[in-house]
Amino acid sequence: MSKEDGSSVDDGRNQEGQRISKSSLYAEIEPHQWPIIYGPEYNIGFMGLEKLHPFDAGKWGKVYQYLKEAGLLQERSIVQPQEASSDDLMVVHPKSYISSLKWSMNVAKITEVPPVAFLPNMIVQSRVLRPFRFHTGGTVLAGKLAMERGWAINIGGGFHHCSADRGGGFCAYADITLSIKFLFEKVEAVSKVLIIDLDAHQGNGHERDFMDDDRVYILDVYNRGIYPHDGFAKRAIKRKIELDYFTEDKEYLRLVERHVEGAMNEFEADVIVYNAGTDILEDDPLGLLSISAQGIIHRDEIVFKKARSKGIPIFMVTSGGYQKRTARIIADSILNLKKLKLIECEEAETSGSSARPAEPSAASTSGVVKSKSGGSVFGKFFGGLFTKTDDSTVGLAESKTTKSEMTVPTEEKRQHKIEEDITRDGSLTKQCDIDNEHPDNLSSGVSAIAGTNNAAQCNSITSEK
């Protein structure tokens, strides 16, 4: 490396450090608050078009509602994150990438919802990217809280397909990379980070970002046959387990337990980032694995038990999960961790900020009520662009099924009520103004989104099983 190159790298690191030092994402929380992070801004809704992607764009609010219903959380005991600013994001992303998100076409590619390309970018910013920025702020804060409390959970986040200069797979900001960079800069005790990525898809975003960084060890367990097929990014994986289609509980849990233990023994991490995608669930249309709801709960238990037994701080993000019932499963998994005392908050429990949690529900595998809708998505869009609901002008809300239209089982009624509650408080439908703190997001720019490297052009790497 030439002196000029070395100087350029140092300047970049100094700029990163300055941005991190000025950031407000590392907020202080009260002792009675659980290190569980969620804000109503997490939920995505843009005039029904989100239904064109299989992702349940309101699942995060449903997880929170289930945990409230179970008595684990109250409004005063949940931690609400701040929105990641442009300066925060540019710790990882070049300005050219941030600016490229001004173009709705680019966001349509990232979210895999083509009609988004035809929406005014003002709407795309407020309805899609602003929620993503709150998720990102939540993941950064989760890293801090894990170091303070021993564990933390961001009910959202886990955008593991986004790297510094490219988004994709419904991931617009590299929240995992950003949280790690904050930890390296802000927390003296952190010099080594273990990423355990158990989403059904390869985590090619953080893999590209930490390709040559020995401070980060990546364990990735994913379906070999599905997106993103990023052969180049695989080179960053230290422990790679490629699964066959429709792998079931017994084999999956055996591999997870063996390799999580192996990774922790091989690499002495100061903190663990756990990407806990639920798209491994049987019948998931994109994950194409066959793990049961109980298998997911057991998987999370394995990871937390091993981390906690070794005294390694851990923070979890929820990542992918494309069925309506995944929200129930995530909530049940968190309740199971609480039941086993793998997550605790003595102040919250003794101060009355949380009631005694209910047992994990057997309803993890129950069905849900689907919204009744008439006409095409485009008909809804143009006919209901500015529907008045309560005190805000909003886009098209979720259709609701009334008692007179359908009688549903108790669990389905509860699921449906949660969806209505989320809509009522504006999480899915509130029209938000563009945050004035993000002028760079609105400035002109060109797309920085590149195509995924073809795995066939890269050296093959032997699967580890």
Protein backbone atom coordinates (compact mmCIF):
# COMPACT_ATOMS: atom_id res chain seq x y z
CA MET A 1 0.00 0.00 0.00
CA SER A 2 1.39 3.41 -0.97
CA LYS A 3 1.64 6.30 1.51
CA GLU A 4 -1.16 8.01 -0.39
CA ASP A 5 -3.39 4.96 -0.05
CA GLY A 6 -2.58 4.65 3.63
CA SER A 7 -3.36 8.30 4.20
CA SER A 8 -6.68 7.95 2.39
CA VAL A 9 -7.66 4.97 4.57
CA ASP A 10 -6.71 6.88 7.73
CA ASP A 11 -8.74 9.89 6.61
CA GLY A 12 -11.74 7.63 5.98
CA ARG A 13 -11.45 6.07 9.43
CA ASN A 14 -11.11 9.49 11.06
CA GLN A 15 -14.25 10.65 9.27
CA GLU A 16 -16.09 7.51 10.40
CA GLY A 17 -14.98 8.13 13.96
CA GLN A 18 -16.14 11.73 13.87
CA ARG A 19 -19.56 10.74 12.56
CA ILE A 20 -19.94 8.06 15.21
CA SER A 21 -18.87 10.40 18.00
CA LYS A 22 -21.55 12.92 16.94
CA SER A 23 -24.30 10.31 16.59
CA SER A 24 -27.26 10.20 18.96
CA LEU A 25 -28.11 6.53 18.27
CA TYR A 26 -26.43 5.32 21.49
CA ALA A 27 -29.22 6.53 23.73
CA GLU A 28 -29.36 5.86 27.48
CA ILE A 29 -32.24 3.78 28.81
CA GLU A 30 -33.85 3.46 32.23
CA PRO A 31 -33.09 0.49 34.52
CA HIS A 32 -36.75 -0.60 34.39
CA GLN A 33 -36.70 -0.93 30.60
CA TRP A 34 -36.11 -4.27 28.95
CA PRO A 35 -33.30 -4.21 26.35
CA ILE A 36 -35.93 -5.02 23.74
CA ILE A 37 -36.20 -2.44 20.98
CA TYR A 38 -39.21 -1.52 18.89
CA GLY A 39 -40.92 1.59 17.54
CA PRO A 40 -44.24 1.95 15.72
CA GLU A 41 -42.27 3.52 12.86
CA TYR A 42 -40.92 0.04 12.00
CA ASN A 43 -44.02 -1.08 10.12
CA ILE A 44 -44.20 -0.50 6.38
CA GLY A 45 -47.34 0.41 4.47
CA PHE A 46 -47.57 2.14 1.13
CA MET A 47 -51.05 1.99 -0.31
CA GLY A 48 -51.26 -1.79 -0.52
CA LEU A 49 -48.23 -2.20 -2.78
CA GLU A 50 -46.29 -3.91 0.04
CA LYS A 51 -48.60 -6.90 -0.55
CA LEU A 52 -46.79 -7.54 -3.83
CA HIS A 53 -43.82 -8.78 -1.78
CA PRO A 54 -44.39 -11.90 0.36
CA PHE A 55 -42.79 -10.20 3.38
CA ASP A 56 -45.28 -9.40 6.16
CA ALA A 57 -44.51 -5.68 6.36
CA GLY A 58 -46.32 -5.29 9.68
CA LYS A 59 -44.88 -8.31 11.52
CA TRP A 60 -42.78 -6.23 13.90
CA GLY A 61 -45.81 -4.49 15.38
CA LYS A 62 -47.52 -7.84 15.79
CA VAL A 63 -44.55 -9.25 17.73
CA TYR A 64 -44.71 -6.26 20.07
CA GLN A 65 -48.46 -6.61 20.53
CA TYR A 66 -48.11 -10.32 21.34
CA LEU A 67 -45.44 -9.56 23.95
CA LYS A 68 -47.65 -6.88 25.49
CA GLU A 69 -50.58 -9.27 25.49
CA ALA A 70 -48.42 -11.90 27.23
CA GLY A 71 -47.52 -9.42 29.97
CA LEU A 72 -43.80 -9.23 29.20
CA LEU A 73 -43.78 -5.65 27.94
CA GLN A 74 -45.57 -2.39 28.61
CA GLU A 75 -45.18 0.88 26.77
CA ARG A 76 -42.93 2.28 29.50
CA SER A 77 -40.66 -0.78 29.48
CA ILE A 78 -39.97 -1.02 25.73
CA VAL A 79 -36.99 0.85 24.25
CA GLN A 80 -37.81 3.03 21.25
CA PRO A 81 -34.92 3.68 18.84
CA GLN A 82 -33.97 6.85 17.02
CA GLU A 83 -33.92 7.12 13.25
CA ALA A 84 -30.47 6.71 11.69
CA SER A 85 -29.45 10.03 10.15
CA SER A 86 -27.58 10.54 6.89
CA ASP A 87 -24.36 11.05 8.85
CA ASP A 88 -24.97 7.79 10.72
CA LEU A 89 -25.58 5.90 7.49
CA MET A 90 -22.48 7.34 5.84
CA VAL A 91 -20.34 5.59 8.45
CA VAL A 92 -20.94 2.61 6.15
CA HIS A 93 -22.53 3.85 2.93
CA PRO A 94 -20.89 6.24 0.47
CA LYS A 95 -22.86 9.37 -0.29
CA SER A 96 -23.43 8.13 -3.84
CA TYR A 97 -25.40 5.15 -2.52
CA ILE A 98 -27.47 7.27 -0.12
CA SER A 99 -28.22 9.67 -2.97
CA SER A 100 -29.18 6.83 -5.30
CA LEU A 101 -32.14 6.06 -3.03
CA LYS A 102 -33.70 9.30 -4.23
CA TRP A 103 -34.70 7.36 -7.33
CA SER A 104 -37.78 5.24 -6.77
CA MET A 105 -36.61 2.81 -9.46
CA ASN A 106 -33.61 1.89 -7.29
CA VAL A 107 -35.77 1.36 -4.22
CA ALA A 108 -38.13 -0.81 -6.30
CA LYS A 109 -35.18 -3.07 -7.15
CA ILE A 110 -34.10 -3.31 -3.54
CA THR A 111 -37.58 -4.05 -2.18
CA GLU A 112 -38.46 -6.29 -5.12
CA VAL A 113 -41.79 -4.50 -5.56
CA PRO A 114 -41.69 -3.18 -9.17
CA PRO A 115 -44.65 -0.73 -8.93
CA VAL A 116 -42.71 1.25 -6.30
CA ALA A 117 -40.72 2.61 -9.25
CA PHE A 118 -43.79 4.66 -10.28
CA LEU A 119 -44.39 6.25 -6.87
CA PRO A 120 -43.15 9.77 -6.08
CA ASN A 121 -39.91 9.44 -4.14
CA MET A 122 -41.38 11.54 -1.33
CA ILE A 123 -43.82 8.70 -0.60
CA VAL A 124 -41.11 6.05 -0.99
CA GLN A 125 -38.91 7.92 1.47
CA SER A 126 -41.61 8.24 4.13
CA ARG A 127 -43.30 4.86 3.72
CA VAL A 128 -40.32 2.57 3.06
CA LEU A 129 -36.92 4.09 3.72
CA ARG A 130 -37.85 5.97 6.88
CA PRO A 131 -39.03 2.72 8.57
CA PHE A 132 -35.80 1.04 7.45
CA ARG A 133 -33.81 3.87 9.07
CA PHE A 134 -35.60 3.30 12.38
CA HIS A 135 -34.82 -0.43 12.16
CA THR A 136 -31.19 0.47 11.54
CA GLY A 137 -31.10 2.78 14.55
CA GLY A 138 -32.57 -0.06 16.60
CA THR A 139 -29.85 -2.51 15.58
CA VAL A 140 -27.11 -0.03 16.44
CA LEU A 141 -28.69 0.60 19.85
CA ALA A 142 -29.04 -3.16 20.43
CA GLY A 143 -25.26 -3.52 20.22
CA LYS A 144 -24.77 -0.96 22.97
CA LEU A 145 -27.45 -2.48 25.21
CA ALA A 146 -26.01 -5.98 24.78
CA MET A 147 -22.69 -4.78 26.12
CA GLU A 148 -24.42 -3.11 29.08
CA ARG A 149 -27.01 -5.77 29.93
CA GLY A 150 -25.48 -8.95 28.47
CA TRP A 151 -28.20 -9.29 25.82
CA ALA A 152 -30.57 -7.26 23.66
CA ILE A 153 -33.23 -7.90 21.03
CA ASN A 154 -34.20 -5.62 18.18
CA ILE A 155 -37.68 -6.76 17.14
CA GLY A 156 -36.76 -5.55 13.63
CA GLY A 157 -33.55 -5.18 11.64
CA GLY A 158 -31.33 -7.85 10.16
CA PHE A 159 -30.91 -6.41 6.65
CA HIS A 160 -28.16 -8.87 5.84
CA HIS A 161 -28.29 -8.53 2.03
CA CYS A 162 -27.24 -4.87 2.07
CA SER A 163 -23.56 -4.01 1.93
CA ALA A 164 -21.86 -0.63 1.87
CA ASP A 165 -22.49 0.10 -1.81
CA ARG A 166 -25.47 -2.05 -2.78
CA GLY A 167 -28.90 -3.00 -1.50
CA GLY A 168 -31.11 -5.94 -2.38
CA GLY A 169 -33.44 -8.59 -1.04
CA PHE A 170 -35.66 -6.07 0.83
CA CYS A 171 -32.56 -4.63 2.53
CA ALA A 172 -31.77 -0.95 1.93
CA TYR A 173 -29.34 -0.18 4.77
CA ALA A 174 -26.50 -2.30 6.17
CA ASP A 175 -27.64 -2.25 9.81
CA ILE A 176 -25.49 -5.21 10.90
CA THR A 177 -22.32 -3.65 9.50
CA LEU A 178 -23.21 -0.28 11.01
CA SER A 179 -23.82 -1.74 14.48
CA ILE A 180 -20.43 -3.47 14.42
CA LYS A 181 -18.61 -0.33 13.31
CA PHE A 182 -20.23 1.58 16.19
CA LEU A 183 -19.12 -1.11 18.64
CA PHE A 184 -15.52 -1.04 17.41
CA GLU A 185 -15.43 2.74 17.70
CA LYS A 186 -17.48 3.36 20.86
CA VAL A 187 -16.93 0.32 23.10
CA GLU A 188 -13.35 -0.28 24.18
CA ALA A 189 -14.12 -3.84 25.27
CA VAL A 190 -15.09 -4.87 21.73
CA SER A 191 -12.33 -5.92 19.36
CA LYS A 192 -13.78 -9.20 18.02
CA VAL A 193 -17.33 -9.83 16.78
CA LEU A 194 -19.01 -13.13 15.89
CA ILE A 195 -21.91 -12.98 13.43
CA ILE A 196 -24.23 -15.99 13.64
CA ASP A 197 -26.51 -15.76 10.61
CA LEU A 198 -29.31 -18.36 10.70
CA ASP A 199 -31.68 -16.77 8.20
CA ALA A 200 -32.57 -19.13 5.34
CA HIS A 201 -30.63 -16.92 2.90
CA GLN A 202 -26.90 -16.29 2.70
CA GLY A 203 -25.95 -13.04 4.46
CA ASN A 204 -23.98 -11.64 1.57
CA GLY A 205 -24.18 -8.01 2.68
CA HIS A 206 -22.18 -8.18 5.90
CA GLU A 207 -19.95 -10.80 4.26
CA ARG A 208 -18.89 -8.34 1.57
CA ASP A 209 -18.36 -5.59 4.14
CA PHE A 210 -16.07 -7.68 6.36
CA MET A 211 -14.36 -9.67 3.62
CA ASP A 212 -10.82 -8.88 4.80
CA ASP A 213 -11.48 -8.02 8.43
CA ASP A 214 -10.08 -10.63 10.83
CA ARG A 215 -11.90 -8.97 13.72
CA VAL A 216 -15.19 -10.40 12.41
CA TYR A 217 -15.94 -14.12 12.26
CA ILE A 218 -18.99 -15.19 10.24
CA LEU A 219 -20.97 -18.39 10.74
CA ASP A 220 -23.66 -18.71 8.07
CA VAL A 221 -26.23 -21.52 7.79
CA TYR A 222 -28.43 -21.16 4.71
CA ASN A 223 -30.28 -22.91 1.89
CA ARG A 224 -27.73 -23.45 -0.88
CA GLY A 225 -30.35 -23.34 -3.65
CA ILE A 226 -31.90 -19.91 -3.13
CA TYR A 227 -31.05 -16.20 -3.43
CA PRO A 228 -28.50 -14.60 -3.46
CA HIS A 229 -25.99 -17.17 -4.83
CA ASP A 230 -23.17 -14.71 -4.05
CA GLY A 231 -20.04 -16.75 -4.61
CA PHE A 232 -17.73 -13.83 -4.00
CA ALA A 233 -19.29 -13.04 -0.61
CA LYS A 234 -18.93 -16.69 0.46
CA ARG A 235 -15.20 -16.15 0.71
CA ALA A 236 -15.77 -14.14 3.88
CA ILE A 237 -17.59 -16.96 5.68
CA LYS A 238 -15.36 -18.67 8.24
CA ARG A 239 -17.84 -21.48 8.94
CA LYS A 240 -20.22 -22.20 6.08
CA ILE A 241 -23.09 -24.71 6.31
CA GLU A 242 -25.11 -25.05 3.12
CA LEU A 243 -28.47 -26.79 3.55
CA ASP A 244 -30.47 -28.77 1.02
CA TYR A 245 -34.05 -27.86 0.14
CA PHE A 246 -36.62 -28.83 2.80
CA THR A 247 -34.12 -29.72 5.52
CA GLU A 248 -36.08 -30.71 8.64
CA ASP A 249 -35.71 -30.10 12.38
CA LYS A 250 -33.50 -33.00 13.42
CA GLU A 251 -30.73 -32.43 10.89
CA TYR A 252 -30.99 -28.63 11.09
CA LEU A 253 -30.77 -28.42 14.88
CA ARG A 254 -27.90 -30.91 14.94
CA LEU A 255 -25.92 -28.73 12.53
CA VAL A 256 -26.79 -25.51 14.33
CA GLU A 257 -25.75 -26.83 17.74
CA ARG A 258 -22.53 -28.33 16.45
CA HIS A 259 -21.39 -25.30 14.51
CA VAL A 260 -22.48 -22.60 16.96
CA GLU A 261 -20.45 -24.42 19.61
CA GLY A 262 -17.56 -24.82 17.17
CA ALA A 263 -17.55 -21.16 16.17
CA MET A 264 -17.58 -19.98 19.80
CA ASN A 265 -14.70 -22.31 20.66
CA GLU A 266 -12.70 -21.34 17.58
CA PHE A 267 -13.15 -17.58 17.90
CA GLU A 268 -13.08 -15.70 21.21
CA ALA A 269 -15.69 -13.07 20.48
CA ASP A 270 -16.42 -10.05 22.65
CA VAL A 271 -20.01 -9.86 21.37
CA ILE A 272 -22.33 -11.90 19.14
CA VAL A 273 -24.66 -10.54 16.46
CA TYR A 274 -27.42 -13.10 15.98
CA ASN A 275 -29.42 -12.79 12.75
CA ALA A 276 -32.47 -14.88 13.64
CA GLY A 277 -34.48 -15.08 10.44
CA THR A 278 -37.70 -17.10 10.63
CA ASP A 279 -37.87 -17.79 6.90
CA ILE A 280 -36.59 -21.28 7.71
CA LEU A 281 -40.18 -22.09 8.71
CA GLU A 282 -41.90 -24.88 6.79
CA ASP A 283 -44.01 -23.59 3.89
CA ASP A 284 -42.09 -20.31 3.68
CA PRO A 285 -42.32 -19.39 -0.03
CA LEU A 286 -38.76 -18.07 -0.23
CA GLY A 287 -36.79 -19.99 2.39
CA LEU A 288 -37.83 -23.45 1.13
CA LEU A 289 -36.79 -25.28 4.29
CA SER A 290 -38.99 -27.38 6.57
CA ILE A 291 -38.32 -26.27 10.12
CA SER A 292 -41.24 -26.36 12.54
CA ALA A 293 -42.29 -23.49 14.81
CA GLN A 294 -40.94 -25.43 17.78
CA GLY A 295 -37.71 -26.00 15.85
CA ILE A 296 -37.23 -22.23 15.49
CA ILE A 297 -37.86 -21.70 19.20
CA HIS A 298 -35.34 -24.44 20.02
CA ARG A 299 -32.80 -22.92 17.61
CA ASP A 300 -32.95 -19.54 19.37
CA GLU A 301 -32.66 -21.30 22.71
CA ILE A 302 -29.49 -23.09 21.56
CA VAL A 303 -27.83 -19.85 20.46
CA PHE A 304 -28.73 -17.87 23.59
CA LYS A 305 -27.88 -20.73 25.95
CA LYS A 306 -24.40 -21.16 24.49
CA ALA A 307 -23.70 -17.42 24.43
CA ARG A 308 -24.96 -16.85 27.97
CA SER A 309 -23.11 -19.91 29.36
CA LYS A 310 -19.86 -18.52 27.96
CA GLY A 311 -20.57 -15.00 29.21
CA ILE A 312 -20.57 -13.48 25.71
CA PRO A 313 -22.97 -10.53 25.19
CA ILE A 314 -25.45 -11.21 22.39
CA PHE A 315 -27.93 -9.12 20.44
CA MET A 316 -30.58 -10.54 18.14
CA VAL A 317 -32.25 -9.09 15.05
CA THR A 318 -35.27 -10.74 13.43
CA SER A 319 -34.41 -10.52 9.70
CA GLY A 320 -36.47 -12.56 7.19
CA GLY A 321 -39.75 -14.37 7.71
CA TYR A 322 -42.42 -14.31 5.05
CA GLN A 323 -45.54 -15.83 6.59
CA LYS A 324 -48.19 -14.20 8.75
CA ARG A 325 -47.61 -16.67 11.56
CA THR A 326 -43.92 -15.85 11.99
CA ALA A 327 -44.76 -12.92 14.30
CA ARG A 328 -46.40 -15.31 16.76
CA ILE A 329 -43.36 -17.61 16.60
CA ILE A 330 -40.89 -14.78 17.26
CA ALA A 331 -42.91 -13.68 20.28
CA ASP A 332 -43.16 -17.26 21.57
CA SER A 333 -39.41 -17.67 21.19
CA ILE A 334 -38.73 -14.52 23.24
CA LEU A 335 -41.17 -15.72 25.91
CA ASN A 336 -39.37 -19.08 25.97
CA LEU A 337 -36.01 -17.34 26.48
CA LYS A 338 -37.57 -15.46 29.38
CA LYS A 339 -39.05 -18.64 30.86
CA LEU A 340 -35.60 -20.29 30.77
CA LYS A 341 -34.01 -17.17 32.34
CA LEU A 342 -31.77 -16.72 29.31
CA ILE A 343 -33.03 -13.13 29.14
CA GLU A 344 -33.79 -11.19 32.32
CA CYS A 345 -34.37 -7.65 33.52
CA GLU A 346 -34.67 -7.60 37.31
CA GLU A 347 -35.60 -3.92 37.52
CA ALA A 348 -38.45 -4.34 35.03
CA GLU A 349 -39.78 -7.37 36.84
CA THR A 350 -39.59 -5.88 40.33
CA SER A 351 -40.85 -2.41 39.37
CA GLY A 352 -44.06 -3.74 37.85
CA SER A 353 -43.11 -2.66 34.32
CA SER A 354 -43.97 -6.14 33.18
CA ALA A 355 -46.48 -8.60 34.46
CA ARG A 356 -45.75 -12.29 34.71
CA PRO A 357 -45.30 -13.46 31.11
CA ALA A 358 -47.67 -16.01 29.70
CA GLU A 359 -46.36 -19.37 28.59
CA PRO A 360 -45.33 -19.61 24.92
CA SER A 361 -48.50 -20.26 22.97
CA ALA A 362 -49.31 -23.38 21.05
CA ALA A 363 -50.83 -21.00 18.54
CA SER A 364 -47.51 -20.58 16.74
CA THR A 365 -48.81 -22.78 13.99
CA SER A 366 -52.36 -21.45 13.81
CA GLY A 367 -53.75 -19.68 10.76
CA VAL A 368 -54.57 -16.02 10.45
CA VAL A 369 -57.38 -14.00 8.97
CA LYS A 370 -56.56 -12.66 5.56
CA SER A 371 -57.78 -9.21 4.59
CA LYS A 372 -60.73 -9.14 2.24
CA SER A 373 -60.02 -6.99 -0.75
CA GLY A 374 -61.72 -6.24 -4.00
CA GLY A 375 -60.22 -5.13 -7.29
CA SER A 376 -56.61 -4.89 -8.34
CA VAL A 377 -53.75 -3.36 -6.38
CA PHE A 378 -53.57 -0.55 -8.91
CA GLY A 379 -57.29 0.11 -8.56
CA LYS A 380 -56.84 0.43 -4.82
CA PHE A 381 -53.82 2.63 -5.24
CA PHE A 382 -55.40 5.21 -7.49
CA GLY A 383 -58.80 5.02 -5.80
CA GLY A 384 -57.50 5.29 -2.22
CA LEU A 385 -54.31 7.31 -2.42
CA PHE A 386 -55.48 9.77 0.24
CA THR A 387 -58.02 8.00 2.43
CA LYS A 388 -58.98 9.87 5.61
CA THR A 389 -58.62 7.74 8.74
CA ASP A 390 -58.99 9.27 12.22
CA ASP A 391 -56.80 12.38 12.37
CA SER A 392 -54.31 11.73 9.60
CA THR A 393 -54.32 11.59 5.82
CA VAL A 394 -53.13 8.15 4.89
CA GLY A 395 -52.80 5.71 2.06
CA LEU A 396 -54.96 2.65 1.65
CA ALA A 397 -55.31 0.82 4.96
CA GLU A 398 -55.63 -2.92 5.43
CA SER A 399 -59.19 -4.13 4.77
CA LYS A 400 -60.90 -5.43 7.91
CA THR A 401 -63.17 -8.43 8.32
CA THR A 402 -66.08 -7.73 10.69
CA LYS A 403 -68.00 -10.15 12.91
CA SER A 404 -70.93 -10.06 10.54
CA GLU A 405 -68.72 -11.14 7.65
CA MET A 406 -66.88 -14.04 9.24
CA THR A 407 -66.66 -16.02 12.46
CA VAL A 408 -63.07 -16.97 13.33
CA PRO A 409 -61.36 -19.03 16.06
CA THR A 410 -60.10 -17.22 19.17
CA GLU A 411 -56.43 -17.12 18.11
CA GLU A 412 -57.36 -15.79 14.68
CA LYS A 413 -59.51 -13.08 16.29
CA ARG A 414 -56.55 -12.04 18.41
CA GLN A 415 -54.25 -11.94 15.37
CA HIS A 416 -56.81 -9.89 13.46
CA LYS A 417 -57.29 -7.48 16.38
CA ILE A 418 -53.54 -6.94 16.54
CA GLU A 419 -53.49 -6.05 12.84
CA GLU A 420 -56.31 -3.57 13.44
CA ASP A 421 -54.52 -2.06 16.46
CA ILE A 422 -51.36 -1.54 14.43
CA THR A 423 -53.36 0.17 11.69
CA ARG A 424 -55.28 2.31 14.19
CA ASP A 425 -52.16 3.76 15.83
CA GLY A 426 -50.81 4.67 12.40
CA SER A 427 -47.95 2.17 12.26
CA LEU A 428 -49.02 0.87 8.89
CA THR A 429 -50.86 3.81 7.44
CA LYS A 430 -49.64 7.10 8.82
CA GLN A 431 -48.38 9.47 6.13
CA CYS A 432 -45.06 10.81 7.40
CA ASP A 433 -43.30 13.92 6.25
CA ILE A 434 -39.83 13.53 4.89
CA ASP A 435 -37.38 14.01 7.72
CA ASN A 436 -35.54 17.26 7.19
CA GLU A 437 -32.48 15.70 8.76
CA HIS A 438 -31.93 13.61 5.64
CA PRO A 439 -31.32 16.11 2.80
CA ASP A 440 -28.78 13.80 1.22
CA ASN A 441 -31.47 11.21 0.63
CA LEU A 442 -33.27 13.68 -1.62
CA SER A 443 -30.30 14.99 -3.57
CA SER A 444 -29.67 13.83 -7.08
CA GLY A 445 -27.54 10.79 -7.71
CA VAL A 446 -27.11 7.71 -9.81
CA SER A 447 -27.75 4.10 -8.98
CA ALA A 448 -25.03 2.38 -7.03
CA ILE A 449 -26.75 -0.95 -7.16
CA ALA A 450 -24.71 -3.58 -8.93
CA GLY A 451 -25.77 -7.02 -10.01
CA THR A 452 -24.96 -10.01 -7.85
CA ASN A 453 -21.80 -11.84 -8.81
CA ASN A 454 -22.50 -15.12 -10.51
CA ALA A 455 -21.41 -17.91 -8.20
CA ALA A 456 -20.20 -19.89 -11.20
CA GLN A 457 -17.56 -17.24 -11.87
CA CYS A 458 -16.11 -17.58 -8.38
CA ASN A 459 -14.01 -20.33 -6.93
CA SER A 460 -16.12 -23.08 -5.42
CA ILE A 461 -15.89 -23.48 -1.71
CA THR A 462 -16.40 -26.86 -0.10
CA SER A 463 -19.58 -27.09 1.95
CA GLU A 464 -19.06 -27.85 5.61
CA LYS A 465 -21.46 -30.28 7.14
